[in-house]
Amino acid sequence: MKKLYKNPLIILALGLIIIISASAGAARAAIVYQSAAERVNFSTATISVEVQEKTDEGYVAVENELNFSEVAKDEKFKVGKIYNESVRIVNNSNQETGYSEYVRVVVRKNWYKDGKSTNLDPDLIELGIADGWYLNPDETTKEQAVYYMTAPLGCGNAAEFLVSVQVDNKLTSFVETKPYVEDGVEIKGTIVNEYLYDGQAFQIEIQADAVQTHNSEDAIYAAWGIKATCDGQDDGNILTIGDKPVN
């Protein structure tokens, strides 16, 4: 019996990560890479936070989507490779009236095919998070992770958040063996190993918001509905979230 393997090479072009079969006659498999970032501000005139991404020209505000410049520089995007990226959160409140802020970041990861979510494991999309952020297990699922910066972010200051992106190479182990069909006709004695991520897309969404550090514990509860303890009534470091220590 003849067996055809879809041995994919991955390239980045026009914002898409395309997986192209290296085997003659095998159908094309594709991963479409999509990303989005949005900014959400707590409703006060002096509290504001911004998502910024590092590019060759320096850090720029993210308006609609992340560019992942280091991924774009690689001629062939490789599953399993760690791509160093830099996305930071900036306290961009007014320098004259702004204050320090507590910052929360919500990250959502999902796989899609034909616009619908699939059962492919979101944990295969691996994000490296900088030090100084606490992942709250009580609010975290496979599709969503909720992080809190444990120290106040001063007015005009920035904090690194995302430092790397990787698709786990376990993805390539999900293979389904099927009869080989050419021009609608099954070729007897020939089978094809088809990757289950054929036509899949993965999406990363980053949402950041902030709250004042004055009356810290009450402000955190009012804005985010979580109980926290801080080492100071104003501008203190967060010690616990939901009765769990953050360090």
Protein backbone atom coordinates (compact mmCIF):
# COMPACT_ATOMS: atom_id res chain seq x y z
CA MET A 1 0.00 0.00 0.00
CA LYS A 2 1.29 3.43 -0.94
CA LYS A 3 1.15 6.09 1.75
CA LEU A 4 1.34 9.84 1.11
CA TYR A 5 2.53 12.12 3.90
CA LYS A 6 1.59 15.76 4.19
CA ASN A 7 4.94 17.13 5.31
CA PRO A 8 4.16 20.82 5.86
CA LEU A 9 6.38 23.84 5.50
CA ILE A 10 5.09 26.99 7.13
CA ILE A 11 5.51 30.46 5.66
CA LEU A 12 4.17 33.88 6.59
CA ALA A 13 2.61 35.95 3.85
CA LEU A 14 0.03 38.73 3.92
CA GLY A 15 -0.74 38.06 7.57
CA LEU A 16 -1.45 34.39 6.97
CA ILE A 17 0.50 31.40 8.15
CA ILE A 18 0.08 28.94 5.32
CA ILE A 19 0.99 25.29 5.67
CA ILE A 20 1.92 23.92 2.26
CA SER A 21 2.24 20.24 1.51
CA ALA A 22 5.65 19.09 0.34
CA SER A 23 4.26 15.85 -1.08
CA ALA A 24 3.17 15.70 -4.69
CA GLY A 25 -0.55 15.24 -5.15
CA ALA A 26 -1.46 15.90 -1.50
CA ALA A 27 -4.05 18.54 -0.75
CA ARG A 28 -3.00 21.80 0.87
CA ALA A 29 -3.45 22.32 4.62
CA ALA A 30 -3.60 25.83 6.05
CA ILE A 31 -3.38 27.62 9.36
CA VAL A 32 -4.68 31.16 9.20
CA TYR A 33 -3.11 33.34 11.86
CA GLN A 34 -5.31 36.08 13.22
CA SER A 35 -4.78 38.37 16.16
CA ALA A 36 -6.61 41.22 17.76
CA ALA A 37 -6.01 43.55 20.65
CA GLU A 38 -8.33 46.04 22.19
CA ARG A 39 -8.12 48.62 24.91
CA VAL A 40 -10.81 49.00 27.54
CA ASN A 41 -10.63 51.87 30.00
CA PHE A 42 -12.28 52.02 33.39
CA SER A 43 -14.83 54.82 33.32
CA THR A 44 -12.94 57.72 34.87
CA ALA A 45 -11.42 60.74 33.19
CA THR A 46 -7.92 60.17 34.55
CA ILE A 47 -7.51 56.40 34.16
CA SER A 48 -6.27 55.12 30.80
CA VAL A 49 -4.24 52.16 29.58
CA GLU A 50 -2.84 51.27 26.16
CA VAL A 51 -1.56 48.11 24.48
CA GLN A 52 1.69 48.67 22.56
CA GLU A 53 3.73 46.35 20.35
CA LYS A 54 7.44 46.57 19.54
CA THR A 55 8.29 47.02 15.88
CA ASP A 56 11.45 47.95 13.98
CA GLU A 57 10.48 51.59 14.53
CA GLY A 58 9.95 51.14 18.28
CA TYR A 59 6.80 50.63 20.28
CA VAL A 60 3.52 51.58 18.61
CA ALA A 61 -0.04 51.56 19.89
CA VAL A 62 -2.08 48.56 18.79
CA GLU A 63 -5.24 49.75 17.08
CA ASN A 64 -6.80 46.69 15.48
CA GLU A 65 -4.37 43.79 15.36
CA LEU A 66 -0.96 42.60 16.49
CA ASN A 67 1.69 42.39 13.80
CA PHE A 68 4.15 40.01 15.54
CA SER A 69 7.11 41.49 13.70
CA GLU A 70 9.57 38.73 14.63
CA VAL A 71 7.26 36.12 13.15
CA ALA A 72 6.98 38.20 9.99
CA LYS A 73 10.78 38.31 9.62
CA ASP A 74 11.04 34.53 9.51
CA GLU A 75 10.81 33.20 5.97
CA LYS A 76 9.29 29.95 7.23
CA PHE A 77 7.17 29.97 10.37
CA LYS A 78 7.86 26.75 12.24
CA VAL A 79 5.56 24.90 14.59
CA GLY A 80 7.43 24.38 17.85
CA LYS A 81 9.70 27.39 17.42
CA ILE A 82 9.60 30.11 20.06
CA TYR A 83 9.26 33.55 18.50
CA ASN A 84 10.40 36.39 20.75
CA GLU A 85 7.82 39.16 20.62
CA SER A 86 7.20 42.20 22.80
CA VAL A 87 3.79 43.54 23.75
CA ARG A 88 3.56 45.92 26.67
CA ILE A 89 0.91 47.75 28.66
CA VAL A 90 1.29 51.51 29.14
CA ASN A 91 -0.33 53.82 31.67
CA ASN A 92 -1.02 56.64 29.23
CA SER A 93 -3.28 58.68 31.48
CA ASN A 94 -2.85 62.44 31.46
CA GLN A 95 0.54 63.38 32.94
CA GLU A 96 -1.00 66.29 34.86
CA THR A 97 -4.08 64.55 36.23
CA GLY A 98 -3.18 60.86 35.93
CA TYR A 99 -2.37 58.46 38.73
CA SER A 100 -0.89 55.02 39.23
CA GLU A 101 -3.13 52.17 38.12
CA TYR A 102 -3.77 48.52 38.81
CA VAL A 103 -3.85 46.71 35.47
CA ARG A 104 -5.70 43.59 34.36
CA VAL A 105 -5.14 41.80 31.04
CA VAL A 106 -7.52 39.22 29.60
CA VAL A 107 -6.09 36.91 26.91
CA ARG A 108 -8.34 34.74 24.75
CA LYS A 109 -7.06 31.97 22.47
CA ASN A 110 -9.19 29.93 20.12
CA TRP A 111 -9.05 27.72 17.03
CA TYR A 112 -11.50 28.24 14.18
CA LYS A 113 -12.45 26.61 10.94
CA ASP A 114 -14.84 28.21 8.47
CA GLY A 115 -15.59 30.88 11.06
CA LYS A 116 -16.63 28.40 13.75
CA SER A 117 -14.71 27.38 16.84
CA THR A 118 -13.31 23.85 16.85
CA ASN A 119 -12.26 21.37 19.52
CA LEU A 120 -8.54 21.73 18.80
CA ASP A 121 -6.84 22.43 22.13
CA PRO A 122 -6.18 26.18 22.72
CA ASP A 123 -3.30 25.16 25.00
CA LEU A 124 -1.34 24.40 21.83
CA ILE A 125 -1.09 28.17 21.38
CA GLU A 126 1.60 29.04 23.91
CA LEU A 127 2.28 32.60 25.04
CA GLY A 128 5.26 33.66 27.14
CA ILE A 129 4.23 36.13 29.84
CA ALA A 130 6.68 38.54 31.51
CA ASP A 131 7.42 38.49 35.24
CA GLY A 132 5.25 40.58 37.53
CA TRP A 133 1.90 39.24 36.33
CA TYR A 134 -0.35 36.93 38.32
CA LEU A 135 -2.50 34.38 36.49
CA ASN A 136 -5.76 34.07 38.43
CA PRO A 137 -6.81 30.40 38.29
CA ASP A 138 -10.35 31.20 39.40
CA GLU A 139 -10.99 33.19 36.23
CA THR A 140 -8.92 31.12 33.81
CA THR A 141 -10.13 28.48 31.35
CA LYS A 142 -8.56 26.84 28.29
CA GLU A 143 -9.87 29.66 26.13
CA GLN A 144 -9.29 32.57 28.52
CA ALA A 145 -6.50 33.63 30.87
CA VAL A 146 -6.81 36.56 33.27
CA TYR A 147 -3.65 38.29 34.52
CA TYR A 148 -3.16 40.99 37.14
CA MET A 149 -0.08 43.15 37.46
CA THR A 150 0.92 42.78 41.10
CA ALA A 151 2.43 46.26 41.45
CA PRO A 152 0.89 49.62 40.56
CA LEU A 153 1.78 50.96 37.11
CA GLY A 154 2.84 54.58 37.45
CA CYS A 155 1.52 57.32 35.21
CA GLY A 156 3.53 57.33 31.97
CA ASN A 157 5.19 54.00 32.76
CA ALA A 158 5.10 50.75 30.77
CA ALA A 159 5.12 47.09 31.80
CA GLU A 160 6.19 44.23 29.54
CA PHE A 161 3.42 41.66 29.14
CA LEU A 162 3.84 39.27 26.21
CA VAL A 163 7.40 38.13 25.45
CA SER A 164 6.99 35.14 23.11
CA VAL A 165 4.62 33.20 20.86
CA GLN A 166 4.77 29.51 19.99
CA VAL A 167 2.58 26.82 18.49
CA ASP A 168 3.34 23.55 20.27
CA ASN A 169 4.85 20.94 17.96
CA LYS A 170 2.33 18.43 19.34
CA LEU A 171 0.05 19.95 16.72
CA THR A 172 1.81 17.95 14.01
CA SER A 173 1.04 14.67 15.78
CA PHE A 174 -2.69 14.98 15.17
CA VAL A 175 -2.94 12.96 11.97
CA GLU A 176 -5.87 11.15 10.40
CA THR A 177 -5.37 8.45 7.76
CA LYS A 178 -7.81 8.60 4.85
CA PRO A 179 -8.18 7.02 1.42
CA TYR A 180 -6.47 9.10 -1.25
CA VAL A 181 -8.94 10.74 -3.63
CA GLU A 182 -7.94 12.38 -6.91
CA ASP A 183 -10.44 14.22 -9.10
CA GLY A 184 -13.24 12.75 -7.00
CA VAL A 185 -12.04 9.18 -7.51
CA GLU A 186 -10.59 7.08 -4.71
CA ILE A 187 -7.20 5.64 -5.66
CA LYS A 188 -7.20 2.10 -4.32
CA GLY A 189 -4.08 0.98 -2.53
CA THR A 190 -3.11 4.57 -1.67
CA ILE A 191 -3.81 6.41 1.55
CA VAL A 192 -2.96 9.91 2.75
CA ASN A 193 -2.06 11.07 6.25
CA GLU A 194 -3.93 14.33 6.76
CA TYR A 195 -3.20 16.79 9.57
CA LEU A 196 -6.26 17.65 11.62
CA TYR A 197 -5.34 21.34 11.59
CA ASP A 198 -6.13 21.48 7.87
CA GLY A 199 -8.02 24.76 7.34
CA GLN A 200 -7.78 25.70 11.02
CA ALA A 201 -7.25 29.28 12.18
CA PHE A 202 -6.09 30.44 15.57
CA GLN A 203 -6.90 33.78 17.09
CA ILE A 204 -5.25 35.62 19.96
CA GLU A 205 -7.09 38.51 21.60
CA ILE A 206 -5.60 40.79 24.25
CA GLN A 207 -7.77 43.13 26.31
CA ALA A 208 -6.36 45.46 28.95
CA ASP A 209 -8.12 47.64 31.51
CA ALA A 210 -7.14 49.51 34.65
CA VAL A 211 -8.46 50.86 37.94
CA GLN A 212 -7.25 53.49 40.37
CA THR A 213 -4.91 52.58 43.23
CA HIS A 214 -6.63 54.97 45.69
CA ASN A 215 -8.63 52.95 48.24
CA SER A 216 -7.03 49.98 46.53
CA GLU A 217 -8.99 46.99 47.80
CA ASP A 218 -12.39 48.68 47.44
CA ALA A 219 -11.50 49.99 43.97
CA ILE A 220 -10.41 46.53 42.76
CA TYR A 221 -13.60 44.93 44.06
CA ALA A 222 -15.84 47.65 42.59
CA ALA A 223 -14.22 47.46 39.15
CA TRP A 224 -13.47 43.76 38.77
CA GLY A 225 -15.61 42.01 41.39
CA ILE A 226 -12.67 40.23 43.02
CA LYS A 227 -11.44 40.38 46.58
CA ALA A 228 -7.81 41.41 46.93
CA THR A 229 -5.51 42.49 49.73
CA CYS A 230 -2.79 45.10 49.30
CA ASP A 231 0.11 46.21 51.50
CA GLY A 232 -1.16 49.79 51.47
CA GLN A 233 -4.49 51.56 51.28
CA ASP A 234 -3.21 53.63 48.38
CA ASP A 235 -0.64 52.57 45.76
CA GLY A 236 0.11 49.31 47.54
CA ASN A 237 1.34 46.09 45.97
CA ILE A 238 -1.27 43.37 45.59
CA LEU A 239 -0.64 40.54 48.06
CA THR A 240 -3.59 38.20 47.44
CA ILE A 241 -6.37 37.76 44.91
CA GLY A 242 -9.32 35.60 45.91
CA ASP A 243 -7.50 34.53 49.10
CA LYS A 244 -4.55 33.21 47.07
CA PRO A 245 -1.07 34.78 47.37
CA VAL A 246 0.16 36.30 44.11
CA ASN A 247 3.82 35.44 44.74
